Protein backbone atom coordinates (compact mmCIF):
# COMPACT_ATOMS: atom_id res chain seq x y z
CA MET A 1 0.10 8.90 -13.67
CA VAL A 2 -1.93 11.87 -12.55
CA GLY A 3 -5.28 11.59 -13.98
CA ARG A 4 -5.08 7.90 -14.63
CA LYS A 5 -7.77 5.56 -13.10
CA VAL A 6 -6.49 2.82 -10.89
CA PRO A 7 -6.29 -0.56 -12.75
CA GLU A 8 -9.38 -2.62 -11.77
CA VAL A 9 -8.35 -6.01 -10.27
CA THR A 10 -9.64 -8.85 -7.67
CA PHE A 11 -7.78 -9.38 -4.57
CA ARG A 12 -7.70 -12.13 -2.67
CA THR A 13 -7.90 -11.22 1.18
CA ARG A 14 -8.65 -13.03 4.16
CA VAL A 15 -11.09 -11.82 6.69
CA ARG A 16 -11.64 -12.50 10.25
CA ASP A 17 -14.86 -14.68 10.68
CA ASP A 18 -16.11 -15.50 14.31
CA SER A 19 -18.22 -18.41 12.89
CA ILE A 20 -15.28 -20.15 12.05
CA GLU A 21 -13.67 -22.30 15.03
CA GLY A 22 -9.96 -23.15 15.72
CA PRO A 23 -6.77 -21.21 15.56
CA ASN A 24 -7.20 -19.55 12.18
CA PRO A 25 -11.02 -18.16 12.27
CA PHE A 26 -10.31 -16.43 8.78
CA ARG A 27 -12.38 -16.89 4.99
CA TRP A 28 -11.26 -16.04 1.92
CA GLU A 29 -12.84 -12.87 0.35
CA ASN A 30 -12.64 -11.43 -3.08
CA LYS A 31 -12.35 -7.42 -2.92
CA THR A 32 -11.84 -5.15 -6.11
CA SER A 33 -9.94 -2.20 -6.68
CA SER A 34 -13.74 -0.48 -6.64
CA ASP A 35 -14.08 -1.77 -2.93
CA TYR A 36 -11.14 0.07 -1.86
CA PHE A 37 -11.18 3.40 -4.02
CA ALA A 38 -14.44 3.83 -5.26
CA GLY A 39 -16.09 7.09 -3.56
CA LYS A 40 -13.58 8.04 -1.07
CA ARG A 41 -10.14 9.91 -1.34
CA VAL A 42 -7.39 7.81 0.08
CA VAL A 43 -3.45 7.28 0.43
CA LEU A 44 -2.01 4.37 -1.14
CA PHE A 45 1.51 3.31 -0.67
CA SER A 46 3.46 0.25 -1.90
CA LEU A 47 6.48 -1.29 -0.70
CA PRO A 48 9.00 -4.47 -1.55
CA GLY A 49 7.81 -6.73 0.95
CA ALA A 50 5.99 -7.09 4.26
CA PHE A 51 8.40 -7.50 7.33
CA THR A 52 11.25 -5.98 5.45
CA PRO A 53 13.60 -3.40 7.60
CA THR A 54 12.61 0.06 5.88
CA CYS A 55 8.81 -0.87 5.51
CA SER A 56 8.58 -2.54 9.17
CA THR A 57 10.56 0.00 10.94
CA PHE A 58 9.79 3.51 9.14
CA GLN A 59 6.99 3.54 6.55
CA LEU A 60 4.37 1.63 7.88
CA PRO A 61 4.70 2.46 11.56
CA ASP A 62 4.78 6.34 10.21
CA PHE A 63 1.64 6.13 8.34
CA GLU A 64 -0.26 4.60 10.98
CA ARG A 65 0.98 6.96 13.61
CA LEU A 66 0.12 9.99 11.32
CA PHE A 67 -3.15 8.55 10.05
CA PRO A 68 -5.22 11.41 11.98
CA GLU A 69 -2.95 14.08 10.38
CA PHE A 70 -4.14 12.44 7.03
CA GLN A 71 -7.65 12.35 8.07
CA ALA A 72 -7.36 16.48 8.79
CA GLU A 73 -5.97 16.83 5.20
CA GLY A 74 -9.36 14.90 4.10
CA ILE A 75 -7.80 11.39 3.47
CA ASP A 76 -10.60 8.69 4.31
CA ASP A 77 -8.41 5.75 4.42
CA ILE A 78 -4.55 4.92 4.12
CA TYR A 79 -3.80 1.76 2.35
CA CYS A 80 -0.49 -0.40 2.02
CA VAL A 81 -0.24 -2.62 -1.14
CA SER A 82 2.65 -5.39 -1.47
CA VAL A 83 3.12 -8.14 -3.62
CA ASN A 84 2.58 -10.43 -0.74
CA ASP A 85 -0.23 -12.97 -0.30
CA ALA A 86 -3.13 -12.45 2.27
CA PHE A 87 -1.38 -14.72 4.96
CA VAL A 88 1.59 -12.98 4.93
CA MET A 89 -0.02 -9.49 4.94
CA ASN A 90 -2.43 -10.29 7.81
CA ALA A 91 0.69 -11.58 9.95
CA TRP A 92 2.33 -8.40 9.12
CA GLY A 93 -0.28 -6.43 10.27
CA LYS A 94 -0.66 -8.46 13.38
CA SER A 95 2.54 -7.81 14.27
CA GLN A 96 2.45 -3.95 13.52
CA ASN A 97 -0.53 -3.87 15.87
CA LEU A 98 -2.48 -1.87 12.99
CA VAL A 99 -5.37 -0.16 13.47
CA ASN A 100 -5.48 2.60 11.09
CA VAL A 101 -3.80 1.47 7.81
CA LYS A 102 -5.42 -1.28 5.70
CA LEU A 103 -3.19 -3.86 4.24
CA ILE A 104 -3.89 -4.99 0.56
CA PRO A 105 -2.33 -8.23 -0.44
CA ASP A 106 -1.49 -8.33 -4.14
CA GLY A 107 -0.21 -11.94 -4.02
CA SER A 108 0.01 -12.40 -7.84
CA GLY A 109 1.46 -8.93 -8.56
CA GLU A 110 -1.50 -8.31 -10.84
CA PHE A 111 -2.54 -4.92 -9.48
CA THR A 112 1.11 -3.55 -8.97
CA ARG A 113 2.09 -4.96 -12.60
CA LYS A 114 -0.83 -2.99 -13.89
CA MET A 115 0.43 0.12 -12.18
CA GLY A 116 3.77 -0.33 -14.05
CA MET A 117 5.24 -0.64 -11.04
CA LEU A 118 6.37 -4.16 -10.89
CA VAL A 119 10.22 -5.13 -10.61
CA ALA A 120 12.40 -7.93 -10.20
CA LYS A 121 14.17 -8.22 -7.01
CA ASP A 122 16.12 -11.26 -7.54
CA ASN A 123 19.41 -9.85 -6.34
CA LEU A 124 17.42 -10.10 -2.93
CA GLY A 125 15.83 -13.23 -3.36
CA PHE A 126 12.65 -11.63 -3.39
CA GLY A 127 11.34 -12.43 -6.93
CA MET A 128 8.92 -10.07 -8.76
CA ARG A 129 8.05 -7.14 -6.21
CA SER A 130 6.68 -3.74 -6.37
CA TRP A 131 8.71 -0.39 -6.76
CA ARG A 132 8.33 1.93 -3.58
CA TYR A 133 5.55 4.60 -4.17
CA ALA A 134 2.87 6.19 -2.72
CA ALA A 135 -0.40 8.00 -4.40
CA VAL A 136 -3.38 9.95 -3.40
CA ILE A 137 -6.30 8.42 -5.12
CA ASN A 138 -9.61 10.47 -5.20
CA ASP A 139 -12.59 8.34 -6.35
CA GLY A 140 -10.34 5.64 -8.31
CA VAL A 141 -8.33 8.27 -9.87
CA ILE A 142 -4.69 9.09 -9.25
CA GLU A 143 -4.72 12.69 -7.73
CA LYS A 144 -0.85 12.82 -6.84
CA PHE A 145 1.76 10.27 -7.53
CA PHE A 146 5.21 9.82 -5.52
CA GLU A 147 7.62 7.47 -6.96
CA GLU A 148 10.98 6.80 -5.58
CA GLU A 149 13.99 7.57 -7.85
CA GLY A 150 16.16 5.00 -9.57
CA TYR A 151 13.09 2.56 -10.65
CA ALA A 152 14.93 -0.44 -12.20
CA ASP A 153 15.06 -4.10 -11.63
CA ASN A 154 17.55 -5.76 -9.36
CA CYS A 155 18.41 -1.99 -7.85
CA GLU A 156 21.32 -2.27 -5.75
CA THR A 157 19.67 0.35 -3.24
CA ASP A 158 16.26 0.69 -1.56
CA PRO A 159 15.34 4.56 -2.10
CA TYR A 160 13.26 5.86 0.44
CA GLY A 161 11.86 9.35 1.15
CA VAL A 162 9.69 10.47 -1.77
CA SER A 163 6.96 8.40 -0.90
CA ALA A 164 7.39 8.93 3.20
CA PRO A 165 4.15 9.72 4.60
CA GLN A 166 5.92 13.06 5.89
CA ASN A 167 6.36 14.13 2.43
CA ILE A 168 3.05 13.39 1.33
CA LEU A 169 1.41 15.04 4.25
CA GLU A 170 3.88 18.47 3.41
CA ASN A 171 2.19 18.09 -0.13
CA LEU A 172 -1.23 17.73 0.76
CA ARG A 173 -0.89 20.69 3.23
CA ALA A 174 0.78 22.89 0.52
CA LYS A 175 -2.17 22.12 -1.76
CA ALA A 176 -4.35 23.10 0.91
CA ALA A 177 -2.69 26.34 1.59
CA ALA A 178 -2.40 27.44 -1.90
């Protein structure tokens, strides 16, 4: 994966629009991979699903909390991508009180499939989802890749550690110290 350019896809997002009245003041907006990754150094992490236990209790909140430390290591943005639609991702972000981490909805799984990380999770009733991974991406090119062990369809476990923000920070700091 290292040295590879991220796939160019279009993501269907929902963005707040104050000109829209009512309880749902959002409009559709297409965003591309270039919109997210061009011209900056970012961390992208992917997980099986919004509102799931490990993702909501540890992974997303820890990335949110550690954002200033990532900035100190030269990271401009942190993105979380999941095979969930824009409505689910927006609701999850709101429930997590996100300020720093930006959520990317990959509703059809196109980006995840093109990254080679799409797996079946039918054993959990999820359907097709992302394997848990993270990457440091510099101007659209993968600089470092952190894939959880055991990549497989219908994996009986949910490995977490390699893609944890603490591990990524440790790697960024080690590179800076070298």
